[in-house]
PDB file of N, CA and C in Angstrom:
ATOM      1  N   UNK A   1    -176.274 -23.898 -41.843  1.00  0.00           N
ATOM      2  CA  UNK A   1    -175.341 -24.036 -41.046  1.00  0.00           C
ATOM      3  C   UNK A   1    -174.319 -23.237 -40.079  1.00  0.00           C
ATOM      4  N   UNK A   2    -173.941 -23.611 -38.976  1.00  0.00           N
ATOM      5  CA  UNK A   2    -173.361 -23.033 -37.633  1.00  0.00           C
ATOM      6  C   UNK A   2    -172.426 -23.034 -38.428  1.00  0.00           C
ATOM      7  N   UNK A   3    -171.454 -22.143 -38.771  1.00  0.00           N
ATOM      8  CA  UNK A   3    -169.874 -22.098 -38.829  1.00  0.00           C
ATOM      9  C   UNK A   3    -169.488 -21.294 -37.886  1.00  0.00           C
ATOM     10  N   UNK A   4    -168.335 -21.930 -37.307  1.00  0.00           N
ATOM     11  CA  UNK A   4    -167.670 -20.744 -36.724  1.00  0.00           C
ATOM     12  C   UNK A   4    -166.191 -21.004 -36.539  1.00  0.00           C
ATOM     13  N   UNK A   5    -165.581 -20.434 -35.718  1.00  0.00           N
ATOM     14  CA  UNK A   5    -164.047 -20.093 -35.940  1.00  0.00           C
ATOM     15  C   UNK A   5    -163.399 -19.840 -34.471  1.00  0.00           C
ATOM     16  N   UNK A   6    -162.735 -21.260 -34.098  1.00  0.00           N
ATOM     17  CA  UNK A   6    -162.185 -21.016 -32.948  1.00  0.00           C
ATOM     18  C   UNK A   6    -160.680 -21.194 -32.935  1.00  0.00           C
ATOM     19  N   UNK A   7    -160.194 -19.987 -32.636  1.00  0.00           N
ATOM     20  CA  UNK A   7    -158.849 -19.739 -32.550  1.00  0.00           C
ATOM     21  C   UNK A   7    -158.353 -20.114 -30.717  1.00  0.00           C
ATOM     22  N   UNK A   8    -157.302 -20.915 -30.672  1.00  0.00           N
ATOM     23  CA  UNK A   8    -156.752 -20.863 -29.430  1.00  0.00           C
ATOM     24  C   UNK A   8    -155.581 -20.159 -29.255  1.00  0.00           C
ATOM     25  N   UNK A   9    -155.073 -19.339 -28.541  1.00  0.00           N
ATOM     26  CA  UNK A   9    -153.664 -18.955 -28.161  1.00  0.00           C
ATOM     27  C   UNK A   9    -153.256 -19.393 -27.101  1.00  0.00           C
ATOM     28  N   UNK A  10    -152.278 -19.768 -27.604  1.00  0.00           N
ATOM     29  CA  UNK A  10    -151.102 -20.531 -26.315  1.00  0.00           C
ATOM     30  C   UNK A  10    -149.943 -19.610 -26.434  1.00  0.00           C
ATOM     31  N   UNK A  11    -149.818 -19.305 -24.934  1.00  0.00           N
ATOM     32  CA  UNK A  11    -148.544 -18.034 -24.474  1.00  0.00           C
ATOM     33  C   UNK A  11    -147.498 -18.866 -24.609  1.00  0.00           C
ATOM     34  N   UNK A  12    -146.438 -18.134 -25.633  1.00  0.00           N
ATOM     35  CA  UNK A  12    -145.018 -18.689 -25.546  1.00  0.00           C
ATOM     36  C   UNK A  12    -144.320 -17.147 -25.483  1.00  0.00           C
ATOM     37  N   UNK A  13    -143.508 -17.515 -24.229  1.00  0.00           N
ATOM     38  CA  UNK A  13    -142.912 -16.798 -23.702  1.00  0.00           C
ATOM     39  C   UNK A  13    -141.453 -16.937 -23.986  1.00  0.00           C
ATOM     40  N   UNK A  14    -140.162 -16.823 -24.568  1.00  0.00           N
ATOM     41  CA  UNK A  14    -139.079 -16.982 -24.599  1.00  0.00           C
ATOM     42  C   UNK A  14    -138.223 -16.320 -23.795  1.00  0.00           C
ATOM     43  N   UNK A  15    -138.790 -15.027 -23.086  1.00  0.00           N
ATOM     44  CA  UNK A  15    -138.163 -14.576 -22.051  1.00  0.00           C
ATOM     45  C   UNK A  15    -138.956 -14.201 -20.874  1.00  0.00           C
ATOM     46  N   UNK A  16    -138.638 -13.628 -19.454  1.00  0.00           N
ATOM     47  CA  UNK A  16    -140.065 -12.996 -18.654  1.00  0.00           C
ATOM     48  C   UNK A  16    -140.193 -11.849 -19.068  1.00  0.00           C
ATOM     49  N   UNK A  17    -141.149 -11.472 -18.795  1.00  0.00           N
ATOM     50  CA  UNK A  17    -141.852  -9.960 -19.498  1.00  0.00           C
ATOM     51  C   UNK A  17    -142.047 -10.096 -20.707  1.00  0.00           C
ATOM     52  N   UNK A  18    -141.637 -10.963 -21.760  1.00  0.00           N
ATOM     53  CA  UNK A  18    -141.597 -10.846 -23.178  1.00  0.00           C
ATOM     54  C   UNK A  18    -142.922 -11.959 -23.343  1.00  0.00           C
ATOM     55  N   UNK A  19    -144.142 -11.291 -23.446  1.00  0.00           N
ATOM     56  CA  UNK A  19    -145.418 -12.467 -23.887  1.00  0.00           C
ATOM     57  C   UNK A  19    -145.449 -12.242 -25.344  1.00  0.00           C
ATOM     58  N   UNK A  20    -145.587 -13.416 -26.196  1.00  0.00           N
ATOM     59  CA  UNK A  20    -146.080 -13.113 -27.231  1.00  0.00           C
ATOM     60  C   UNK A  20    -147.380 -14.263 -27.572  1.00  0.00           C
ATOM     61  N   UNK A  21    -148.201 -13.593 -28.178  1.00  0.00           N
ATOM     62  CA  UNK A  21    -149.531 -14.690 -28.849  1.00  0.00           C
ATOM     63  C   UNK A  21    -149.556 -14.985 -29.735  1.00  0.00           C
ATOM     64  N   UNK A  22    -149.371 -16.102 -30.561  1.00  0.00           N
ATOM     65  CA  UNK A  22    -149.521 -16.786 -31.455  1.00  0.00           C
ATOM     66  C   UNK A  22    -150.709 -17.766 -31.712  1.00  0.00           C
ATOM     67  N   UNK A  23    -151.570 -18.155 -32.885  1.00  0.00           N
ATOM     68  CA  UNK A  23    -152.404 -18.637 -33.330  1.00  0.00           C
ATOM     69  C   UNK A  23    -151.566 -20.320 -33.118  1.00  0.00           C
ATOM     70  N   UNK A  24    -152.201 -21.084 -32.446  1.00  0.00           N
ATOM     71  CA  UNK A  24    -151.757 -22.455 -32.249  1.00  0.00           C
ATOM     72  C   UNK A  24    -152.892 -23.478 -32.994  1.00  0.00           C
ATOM     73  N   UNK A  25    -153.664 -23.320 -32.734  1.00  0.00           N
ATOM     74  CA  UNK A  25    -154.813 -24.341 -33.367  1.00  0.00           C
ATOM     75  C   UNK A  25    -155.708 -23.315 -33.898  1.00  0.00           C
ATOM     76  N   UNK A  26    -156.608 -23.717 -35.116  1.00  0.00           N
ATOM     77  CA  UNK A  26    -157.628 -23.063 -35.472  1.00  0.00           C
ATOM     78  C   UNK A  26    -158.914 -24.091 -36.072  1.00  0.00           C
ATOM     79  N   UNK A  27    -159.961 -24.045 -36.271  1.00  0.00           N
ATOM     80  CA  UNK A  27    -160.995 -24.739 -36.772  1.00  0.00           C
ATOM     81  C   UNK A  27    -162.336 -23.985 -37.187  1.00  0.00           C
ATOM     82  N   UNK A  28    -162.634 -24.558 -38.763  1.00  0.00           N
ATOM     83  CA  UNK A  28    -163.918 -24.258 -39.023  1.00  0.00           C
ATOM     84  C   UNK A  28    -164.992 -24.779 -38.226  1.00  0.00           C
ATOM     85  N   UNK A  29    -164.811 -26.228 -38.154  1.00  0.00           N
ATOM     86  CA  UNK A  29    -165.372 -27.029 -37.013  1.00  0.00           C
ATOM     87  C   UNK A  29    -164.644 -28.330 -36.585  1.00  0.00           C
ATOM     88  N   UNK A  30    -165.052 -28.702 -35.454  1.00  0.00           N
ATOM     89  CA  UNK A  30    -164.032 -29.781 -34.629  1.00  0.00           C
ATOM     90  C   UNK A  30    -164.689 -30.860 -34.975  1.00  0.00           C
ATOM     91  N   UNK A  31    -163.282 -31.646 -35.268  1.00  0.00           N
ATOM     92  CA  UNK A  31    -163.437 -32.708 -35.563  1.00  0.00           C
ATOM     93  C   UNK A  31    -162.686 -33.876 -34.378  1.00  0.00           C
ATOM     94  N   UNK A  32    -163.202 -35.324 -34.367  1.00  0.00           N
ATOM     95  CA  UNK A  32    -162.623 -35.946 -33.239  1.00  0.00           C
ATOM     96  C   UNK A  32    -161.899 -37.390 -34.105  1.00  0.00           C
ATOM     97  N   UNK A  33    -160.911 -37.967 -33.481  1.00  0.00           N
ATOM     98  CA  UNK A  33    -160.189 -38.868 -33.745  1.00  0.00           C
ATOM     99  C   UNK A  33    -160.890 -40.235 -34.269  1.00  0.00           C
ATOM    100  N   UNK A  34    -161.809 -40.409 -34.766  1.00  0.00           N
ATOM    101  CA  UNK A  34    -162.516 -42.006 -35.094  1.00  0.00           C
ATOM    102  C   UNK A  34    -161.801 -42.937 -35.459  1.00  0.00           C
ATOM    103  N   UNK A  35    -162.185 -44.142 -35.208  1.00  0.00           N
ATOM    104  CA  UNK A  35    -161.062 -45.605 -35.290  1.00  0.00           C
ATOM    105  C   UNK A  35    -160.719 -45.120 -36.992  1.00  0.00           C
ATOM    106  N   UNK A  36    -161.857 -44.992 -37.458  1.00  0.00           N
ATOM    107  CA  UNK A  36    -161.861 -45.395 -39.008  1.00  0.00           C
ATOM    108  C   UNK A  36    -162.865 -44.210 -39.748  1.00  0.00           C
ATOM    109  N   UNK A  37    -162.989 -44.234 -40.921  1.00  0.00           N
ATOM    110  CA  UNK A  37    -164.074 -43.697 -41.748  1.00  0.00           C
ATOM    111  C   UNK A  37    -165.385 -44.168 -41.598  1.00  0.00           C
ATOM    112  N   UNK A  38    -165.546 -44.808 -41.539  1.00  0.00           N
ATOM    113  CA  UNK A  38    -166.713 -45.525 -41.411  1.00  0.00           C
ATOM    114  C   UNK A  38    -167.411 -45.422 -40.141  1.00  0.00           C
ATOM    115  N   UNK A  39    -166.406 -45.510 -39.125  1.00  0.00           N
ATOM    116  CA  UNK A  39    -167.253 -45.127 -37.917  1.00  0.00           C
ATOM    117  C   UNK A  39    -167.547 -43.956 -37.491  1.00  0.00           C
ATOM    118  N   UNK A  40    -166.701 -42.885 -38.306  1.00  0.00           N
ATOM    119  CA  UNK A  40    -167.538 -41.613 -38.048  1.00  0.00           C
ATOM    120  C   UNK A  40    -168.446 -41.155 -38.734  1.00  0.00           C
ATOM    121  N   UNK A  41    -168.619 -41.720 -39.958  1.00  0.00           N
ATOM    122  CA  UNK A  41    -169.718 -41.824 -41.186  1.00  0.00           C
ATOM    123  C   UNK A  41    -170.839 -42.079 -40.210  1.00  0.00           C
ATOM    124  N   UNK A  42    -170.833 -43.573 -39.663  1.00  0.00           N
ATOM    125  CA  UNK A  42    -172.000 -44.266 -38.900  1.00  0.00           C
ATOM    126  C   UNK A  42    -172.392 -43.134 -37.770  1.00  0.00           C
ATOM    127  N   UNK A  43    -171.400 -42.542 -37.036  1.00  0.00           N
ATOM    128  CA  UNK A  43    -171.814 -41.582 -35.699  1.00  0.00           C
ATOM    129  C   UNK A  43    -172.701 -40.288 -36.854  1.00  0.00           C
ATOM    130  N   UNK A  44    -172.491 -39.729 -37.636  1.00  0.00           N
ATOM    131  CA  UNK A  44    -173.216 -39.124 -38.446  1.00  0.00           C
ATOM    132  C   UNK A  44    -174.597 -39.221 -38.920  1.00  0.00           C
ATOM    133  N   UNK A  45    -174.418 -40.440 -39.583  1.00  0.00           N
ATOM    134  CA  UNK A  45    -175.802 -41.132 -39.893  1.00  0.00           C
ATOM    135  C   UNK A  45    -177.238 -41.349 -38.655  1.00  0.00           C
ATOM    136  N   UNK A  46    -176.418 -41.641 -37.701  1.00  0.00           N
ATOM    137  CA  UNK A  46    -177.035 -41.965 -36.130  1.00  0.00           C
ATOM    138  C   UNK A  46    -177.635 -40.892 -35.551  1.00  0.00           C
ATOM    139  N   UNK A  47    -176.534 -39.456 -35.964  1.00  0.00           N
ATOM    140  CA  UNK A  47    -177.218 -38.180 -35.177  1.00  0.00           C
ATOM    141  C   UNK A  47    -176.223 -38.474 -33.772  1.00  0.00           C
ATOM    142  N   UNK A  48    -175.327 -38.925 -33.585  1.00  0.00           N
ATOM    143  CA  UNK A  48    -174.612 -39.151 -32.214  1.00  0.00           C
ATOM    144  C   UNK A  48    -173.490 -38.129 -32.752  1.00  0.00           C
ATOM    145  N   UNK A  49    -172.886 -37.725 -33.771  1.00  0.00           N
ATOM    146  CA  UNK A  49    -172.078 -36.683 -34.147  1.00  0.00           C
ATOM    147  C   UNK A  49    -172.793 -35.841 -35.245  1.00  0.00           C
ATOM    148  N   UNK A  50    -172.740 -34.329 -34.590  1.00  0.00           N
ATOM    149  CA  UNK A  50    -173.145 -33.333 -35.743  1.00  0.00           C
ATOM    150  C   UNK A  50    -172.039 -32.248 -35.509  1.00  0.00           C
ATOM    151  N   UNK A  51    -171.234 -32.398 -36.428  1.00  0.00           N
ATOM    152  CA  UNK A  51    -169.947 -31.463 -36.408  1.00  0.00           C
ATOM    153  C   UNK A  51    -170.412 -29.947 -36.009  1.00  0.00           C
ATOM    154  N   UNK A  52    -171.377 -29.549 -36.687  1.00  0.00           N
ATOM    155  CA  UNK A  52    -171.870 -28.033 -36.596  1.00  0.00           C
ATOM    156  C   UNK A  52    -172.473 -27.784 -35.217  1.00  0.00           C
ATOM    157  N   UNK A  53    -173.057 -28.911 -34.153  1.00  0.00           N
ATOM    158  CA  UNK A  53    -173.454 -28.467 -33.043  1.00  0.00           C
ATOM    159  C   UNK A  53    -172.292 -28.907 -32.133  1.00  0.00           C
ATOM    160  N   UNK A  54    -171.177 -29.159 -32.096  1.00  0.00           N
ATOM    161  CA  UNK A  54    -169.573 -28.840 -31.485  1.00  0.00           C
ATOM    162  C   UNK A  54    -169.474 -27.572 -31.461  1.00  0.00           C
ATOM    163  N   UNK A  55    -169.243 -26.761 -30.276  1.00  0.00           N
ATOM    164  CA  UNK A  55    -168.965 -25.863 -29.882  1.00  0.00           C
ATOM    165  C   UNK A  55    -168.255 -25.723 -28.543  1.00  0.00           C
ATOM    166  N   UNK A  56    -166.844 -25.489 -28.660  1.00  0.00           N
ATOM    167  CA  UNK A  56    -165.946 -25.147 -27.540  1.00  0.00           C
ATOM    168  C   UNK A  56    -166.336 -24.145 -26.944  1.00  0.00           C
ATOM    169  N   UNK A  57    -166.318 -24.119 -25.611  1.00  0.00           N
ATOM    170  CA  UNK A  57    -166.395 -22.682 -24.984  1.00  0.00           C
ATOM    171  C   UNK A  57    -165.154 -22.665 -24.002  1.00  0.00           C
ATOM    172  N   UNK A  58    -164.336 -23.453 -23.408  1.00  0.00           N
ATOM    173  CA  UNK A  58    -163.304 -23.655 -22.395  1.00  0.00           C
ATOM    174  C   UNK A  58    -161.899 -24.401 -23.051  1.00  0.00           C
ATOM    175  N   UNK A  59    -161.102 -23.537 -22.862  1.00  0.00           N
ATOM    176  CA  UNK A  59    -159.708 -24.779 -22.973  1.00  0.00           C
ATOM    177  C   UNK A  59    -158.886 -24.551 -21.740  1.00  0.00           C
ATOM    178  N   UNK A  60    -158.259 -25.185 -21.341  1.00  0.00           N
ATOM    179  CA  UNK A  60    -156.992 -25.536 -20.557  1.00  0.00           C
ATOM    180  C   UNK A  60    -155.875 -26.442 -20.587  1.00  0.00           C
ATOM    181  N   UNK A  61    -154.553 -25.933 -20.721  1.00  0.00           N
ATOM    182  CA  UNK A  61    -153.540 -26.700 -20.712  1.00  0.00           C
ATOM    183  C   UNK A  61    -152.787 -27.048 -19.527  1.00  0.00           C
ATOM    184  N   UNK A  62    -152.562 -28.478 -20.002  1.00  0.00           N
ATOM    185  CA  UNK A  62    -152.106 -29.632 -18.769  1.00  0.00           C
ATOM    186  C   UNK A  62    -151.094 -30.569 -19.750  1.00  0.00           C
ATOM    187  N   UNK A  63    -149.877 -30.308 -18.877  1.00  0.00           N
ATOM    188  CA  UNK A  63    -148.887 -30.513 -19.479  1.00  0.00           C
ATOM    189  C   UNK A  63    -148.988 -30.794 -21.060  1.00  0.00           C
ATOM    190  N   UNK A  64    -148.765 -31.697 -21.885  1.00  0.00           N
ATOM    191  CA  UNK A  64    -148.775 -31.558 -23.430  1.00  0.00           C
ATOM    192  C   UNK A  64    -150.005 -31.947 -23.854  1.00  0.00           C
ATOM    193  N   UNK A  65    -151.121 -31.691 -22.761  1.00  0.00           N
ATOM    194  CA  UNK A  65    -152.312 -31.320 -23.286  1.00  0.00           C
ATOM    195  C   UNK A  65    -153.179 -30.393 -23.006  1.00  0.00           C
ATOM    196  N   UNK A  66    -154.068 -30.193 -24.371  1.00  0.00           N
ATOM    197  CA  UNK A  66    -154.755 -28.646 -24.466  1.00  0.00           C
ATOM    198  C   UNK A  66    -156.662 -29.449 -24.265  1.00  0.00           C
ATOM    199  N   UNK A  67    -156.902 -29.001 -23.030  1.00  0.00           N
ATOM    200  CA  UNK A  67    -158.379 -29.530 -22.888  1.00  0.00           C
ATOM    201  C   UNK A  67    -159.185 -28.981 -23.460  1.00  0.00           C
ATOM    202  N   UNK A  68    -160.642 -29.260 -24.026  1.00  0.00           N
ATOM    203  CA  UNK A  68    -162.027 -28.234 -24.477  1.00  0.00           C
ATOM    204  C   UNK A  68    -162.647 -28.771 -23.722  1.00  0.00           C
ATOM    205  N   UNK A  69    -163.801 -27.937 -23.296  1.00  0.00           N
ATOM    206  CA  UNK A  69    -164.751 -28.152 -23.108  1.00  0.00           C
ATOM    207  C   UNK A  69    -166.076 -27.817 -23.871  1.00  0.00           C
ATOM    208  N   UNK A  70    -166.720 -28.616 -24.305  1.00  0.00           N
ATOM    209  CA  UNK A  70    -167.645 -28.660 -25.088  1.00  0.00           C
ATOM    210  C   UNK A  70    -169.343 -29.097 -24.685  1.00  0.00           C
ATOM    211  N   UNK A  71    -170.092 -28.191 -24.281  1.00  0.00           N
ATOM    212  CA  UNK A  71    -171.184 -28.635 -23.680  1.00  0.00           C
ATOM    213  C   UNK A  71    -172.315 -28.915 -24.607  1.00  0.00           C
ATOM    214  N   UNK A  72    -173.425 -29.865 -24.488  1.00  0.00           N
ATOM    215  CA  UNK A  72    -173.961 -30.570 -24.710  1.00  0.00           C
ATOM    216  C   UNK A  72    -175.186 -29.991 -24.783  1.00  0.00           C
ATOM    217  N   UNK A  73    -175.232 -28.591 -25.261  1.00  0.00           N
ATOM    218  CA  UNK A  73    -176.496 -27.748 -25.478  1.00  0.00           C
ATOM    219  C   UNK A  73    -177.327 -28.117 -26.890  1.00  0.00           C
ATOM    220  N   UNK A  74    -176.763 -28.830 -27.915  1.00  0.00           N
ATOM    221  CA  UNK A  74    -177.489 -29.680 -28.726  1.00  0.00           C
ATOM    222  C   UNK A  74    -177.022 -30.965 -29.050  1.00  0.00           C
ATOM    223  N   UNK A  75    -178.248 -31.316 -29.777  1.00  0.00           N
ATOM    224  CA  UNK A  75    -177.814 -32.990 -30.036  1.00  0.00           C
ATOM    225  C   UNK A  75    -176.611 -33.534 -31.191  1.00  0.00           C
ATOM    226  N   UNK A  76    -175.648 -34.099 -30.719  1.00  0.00           N
ATOM    227  CA  UNK A  76    -175.029 -34.541 -31.731  1.00  0.00           C
ATOM    228  C   UNK A  76    -173.427 -34.203 -31.194  1.00  0.00           C
ATOM    229  N   UNK A  77    -173.268 -33.835 -29.951  1.00  0.00           N
ATOM    230  CA  UNK A  77    -172.267 -33.144 -29.551  1.00  0.00           C
ATOM    231  C   UNK A  77    -171.631 -34.755 -28.607  1.00  0.00           C
ATOM    232  N   UNK A  78    -169.916 -35.212 -29.328  1.00  0.00           N
ATOM    233  CA  UNK A  78    -169.867 -36.738 -28.371  1.00  0.00           C
ATOM    234  C   UNK A  78    -169.297 -36.839 -27.392  1.00  0.00           C
ATOM    235  N   UNK A  79    -168.814 -35.909 -26.425  1.00  0.00           N
ATOM    236  CA  UNK A  79    -168.149 -35.565 -25.500  1.00  0.00           C
ATOM    237  C   UNK A  79    -168.229 -34.054 -24.663  1.00  0.00           C
ATOM    238  N   UNK A  80    -168.390 -34.248 -23.624  1.00  0.00           N
ATOM    239  CA  UNK A  80    -168.438 -32.599 -23.385  1.00  0.00           C
ATOM    240  C   UNK A  80    -167.149 -32.267 -22.909  1.00  0.00           C
ATOM    241  N   UNK A  81    -165.916 -33.118 -22.846  1.00  0.00           N
ATOM    242  CA  UNK A  81    -164.453 -32.846 -22.346  1.00  0.00           C
ATOM    243  C   UNK A  81    -163.641 -33.492 -23.761  1.00  0.00           C
ATOM    244  N   UNK A  82    -163.307 -33.121 -24.164  1.00  0.00           N
ATOM    245  CA  UNK A  82    -162.335 -33.648 -25.196  1.00  0.00           C
ATOM    246  C   UNK A  82    -160.540 -33.061 -25.213  1.00  0.00           C
ATOM    247  N   UNK A  83    -159.495 -33.633 -25.645  1.00  0.00           N
ATOM    248  CA  UNK A  83    -158.147 -33.354 -25.375  1.00  0.00           C
ATOM    249  C   UNK A  83    -157.393 -33.198 -27.041  1.00  0.00           C
ATOM    250  N   UNK A  84    -156.629 -32.492 -26.936  1.00  0.00           N
ATOM    251  CA  UNK A  84    -155.300 -32.019 -28.362  1.00  0.00           C
ATOM    252  C   UNK A  84    -153.937 -32.448 -27.983  1.00  0.00           C
ATOM    253  N   UNK A  85    -153.310 -33.268 -28.281  1.00  0.00           N
ATOM    254  CA  UNK A  85    -152.187 -33.435 -28.235  1.00  0.00           C
ATOM    255  C   UNK A  85    -150.811 -32.343 -28.462  1.00  0.00           C
ATOM    256  N   UNK A  86    -150.646 -31.371 -27.992  1.00  0.00           N
ATOM    257  CA  UNK A  86    -150.341 -30.688 -28.150  1.00  0.00           C
ATOM    258  C   UNK A  86    -148.348 -30.830 -29.045  1.00  0.00           C
ATOM    259  N   UNK A  87    -148.148 -31.714 -28.711  1.00  0.00           N
ATOM    260  CA  UNK A  87    -146.846 -32.586 -29.196  1.00  0.00           C
ATOM    261  C   UNK A  87    -147.066 -32.694 -30.951  1.00  0.00           C
ATOM    262  N   UNK A  88    -148.405 -32.774 -31.220  1.00  0.00           N
ATOM    263  CA  UNK A  88    -148.659 -32.979 -32.746  1.00  0.00           C
ATOM    264  C   UNK A  88    -148.708 -31.658 -33.706  1.00  0.00           C
ATOM    265  N   UNK A  89    -148.145 -32.115 -34.668  1.00  0.00           N
ATOM    266  CA  UNK A  89    -147.599 -30.830 -35.431  1.00  0.00           C
ATOM    267  C   UNK A  89    -148.631 -30.533 -36.762  1.00  0.00           C
ATOM    268  N   UNK A  90    -149.961 -30.462 -35.768  1.00  0.00           N
ATOM    269  CA  UNK A  90    -151.028 -29.932 -36.826  1.00  0.00           C
ATOM    270  C   UNK A  90    -151.560 -28.677 -36.329  1.00  0.00           C
ATOM    271  N   UNK A  91    -152.066 -27.622 -37.347  1.00  0.00           N
ATOM    272  CA  UNK A  91    -152.599 -26.369 -37.353  1.00  0.00           C
ATOM    273  C   UNK A  91    -154.348 -27.031 -36.636  1.00  0.00           C
ATOM    274  N   UNK A  92    -154.729 -27.913 -37.477  1.00  0.00           N
ATOM    275  CA  UNK A  92    -155.893 -28.474 -37.372  1.00  0.00           C
ATOM    276  C   UNK A  92    -156.093 -29.846 -37.072  1.00  0.00           C
ATOM    277  N   UNK A  93    -155.808 -29.527 -35.474  1.00  0.00           N
ATOM    278  CA  UNK A  93    -155.695 -31.680 -34.871  1.00  0.00           C
ATOM    279  C   UNK A  93    -156.838 -31.583 -34.991  1.00  0.00           C
ATOM    280  N   UNK A  94    -156.981 -33.326 -35.096  1.00  0.00           N
ATOM    281  CA  UNK A  94    -158.640 -33.819 -34.483  1.00  0.00           C
ATOM    282  C   UNK A  94    -158.191 -34.052 -32.794  1.00  0.00           C
ATOM    283  N   UNK A  95    -159.428 -33.988 -32.396  1.00  0.00           N
ATOM    284  CA  UNK A  95    -159.564 -34.128 -30.424  1.00  0.00           C
ATOM    285  C   UNK A  95    -159.935 -35.553 -30.354  1.00  0.00           C
ATOM    286  N   UNK A  96    -159.181 -36.072 -29.244  1.00  0.00           N
ATOM    287  CA  UNK A  96    -159.558 -37.058 -28.524  1.00  0.00           C
ATOM    288  C   UNK A  96    -160.334 -37.000 -27.026  1.00  0.00           C
ATOM    289  N   UNK A  97    -161.621 -37.993 -27.103  1.00  0.00           N
ATOM    290  CA  UNK A  97    -162.403 -37.532 -26.005  1.00  0.00           C
ATOM    291  C   UNK A  97    -161.638 -37.817 -24.677  1.00  0.00           C
ATOM    292  N   UNK A  98    -161.983 -37.715 -23.553  1.00  0.00           N
ATOM    293  CA  UNK A  98    -161.389 -37.659 -22.351  1.00  0.00           C
ATOM    294  C   UNK A  98    -162.753 -37.827 -21.389  1.00  0.00           C
ATOM    295  N   UNK A  99    -162.182 -39.008 -20.330  1.00  0.00           N
ATOM    296  CA  UNK A  99    -161.515 -39.993 -20.374  1.00  0.00           C
ATOM    297  C   UNK A  99    -162.210 -40.913 -21.617  1.00  0.00           C
ATOM    298  N   UNK A 100    -160.775 -41.952 -21.927  1.00  0.00           N
ATOM    299  CA  UNK A 100    -161.254 -42.561 -22.716  1.00  0.00           C
ATOM    300  C   UNK A 100    -161.943 -44.053 -22.329  1.00  0.00           C
ATOM    301  N   UNK A 101    -163.251 -44.290 -22.169  1.00  0.00           N
ATOM    302  CA  UNK A 101    -163.806 -45.245 -21.470  1.00  0.00           C
ATOM    303  C   UNK A 101    -164.968 -45.390 -22.348  1.00  0.00           C
ATOM    304  N   UNK A 102    -165.668 -46.711 -21.946  1.00  0.00           N
ATOM    305  CA  UNK A 102    -167.613 -47.222 -22.719  1.00  0.00           C
ATOM    306  C   UNK A 102    -168.333 -46.174 -21.790  1.00  0.00           C
ATOM    307  N   UNK A 103    -168.933 -45.104 -22.691  1.00  0.00           N
ATOM    308  CA  UNK A 103    -169.692 -44.212 -22.195  1.00  0.00           C
ATOM    309  C   UNK A 103    -171.199 -44.685 -22.983  1.00  0.00           C
ATOM    310  N   UNK A 104    -171.527 -45.823 -23.574  1.00  0.00           N
ATOM    311  CA  UNK A 104    -172.269 -46.043 -24.451  1.00  0.00           C
ATOM    312  C   UNK A 104    -173.662 -46.162 -23.772  1.00  0.00           C
ATOM    313  N   UNK A 105    -173.829 -46.145 -22.238  1.00  0.00           N
ATOM    314  CA  UNK A 105    -174.875 -46.363 -21.517  1.00  0.00           C
ATOM    315  C   UNK A 105    -175.196 -44.602 -21.349  1.00  0.00           C
ATOM    316  N   UNK A 106    -174.366 -43.864 -21.654  1.00  0.00           N
ATOM    317  CA  UNK A 106    -174.793 -42.329 -21.142  1.00  0.00           C
ATOM    318  C   UNK A 106    -174.987 -41.814 -22.733  1.00  0.00           C
ATOM    319  N   UNK A 107    -175.032 -42.246 -23.675  1.00  0.00           N
ATOM    320  CA  UNK A 107    -175.037 -41.561 -25.355  1.00  0.00           C
ATOM    321  C   UNK A 107    -174.143 -40.984 -25.596  1.00  0.00           C
ATOM    322  N   UNK A 108    -172.508 -41.503 -24.857  1.00  0.00           N
ATOM    323  CA  UNK A 108    -171.634 -40.905 -25.654  1.00  0.00           C
ATOM    324  C   UNK A 108    -171.311 -41.593 -26.804  1.00  0.00           C
ATOM    325  N   UNK A 109    -170.659 -41.222 -27.788  1.00  0.00           N
ATOM    326  CA  UNK A 109    -169.949 -41.557 -28.937  1.00  0.00           C
ATOM    327  C   UNK A 109    -168.634 -42.536 -28.812  1.00  0.00           C
ATOM    328  N   UNK A 110    -168.818 -43.747 -28.688  1.00  0.00           N
ATOM    329  CA  UNK A 110    -167.078 -44.269 -28.559  1.00  0.00           C
ATOM    330  C   UNK A 110    -166.208 -44.395 -29.736  1.00  0.00           C
ATOM    331  N   UNK A 111    -164.991 -43.657 -29.926  1.00  0.00           N
ATOM    332  CA  UNK A 111    -164.193 -43.257 -30.610  1.00  0.00           C
ATOM    333  C   UNK A 111    -163.085 -44.386 -31.552  1.00  0.00           C
ATOM    334  N   UNK A 112    -163.171 -45.170 -30.476  1.00  0.00           N
ATOM    335  CA  UNK A 112    -161.725 -46.112 -30.684  1.00  0.00           C
ATOM    336  C   UNK A 112    -162.777 -47.520 -31.135  1.00  0.00           C
TER     337      UNK A 112
END
């Protein structure tokens, strides 16, 4: 089983020229904000979501969201772009798909 640790560091600067990096989020495996436990289990059983296949490779901060690119190099990656609400008070947050729309025709997992 592929185990990975991703540490996203967010730049926090109290004053100009005084840059401190702190760990904002970390995961052993990325998880998504499914509408309920049954929906998550169904996606895992069908192979639409394989937690060990989700490998984040890029991040971008936009206002209060941290966008994460998730290439579909393997089967079971529910989306190629997800985001985290940075106002949430979690160090291991659940990711939301972006944009939220019905992509079932393209094989995307619908989380809500």
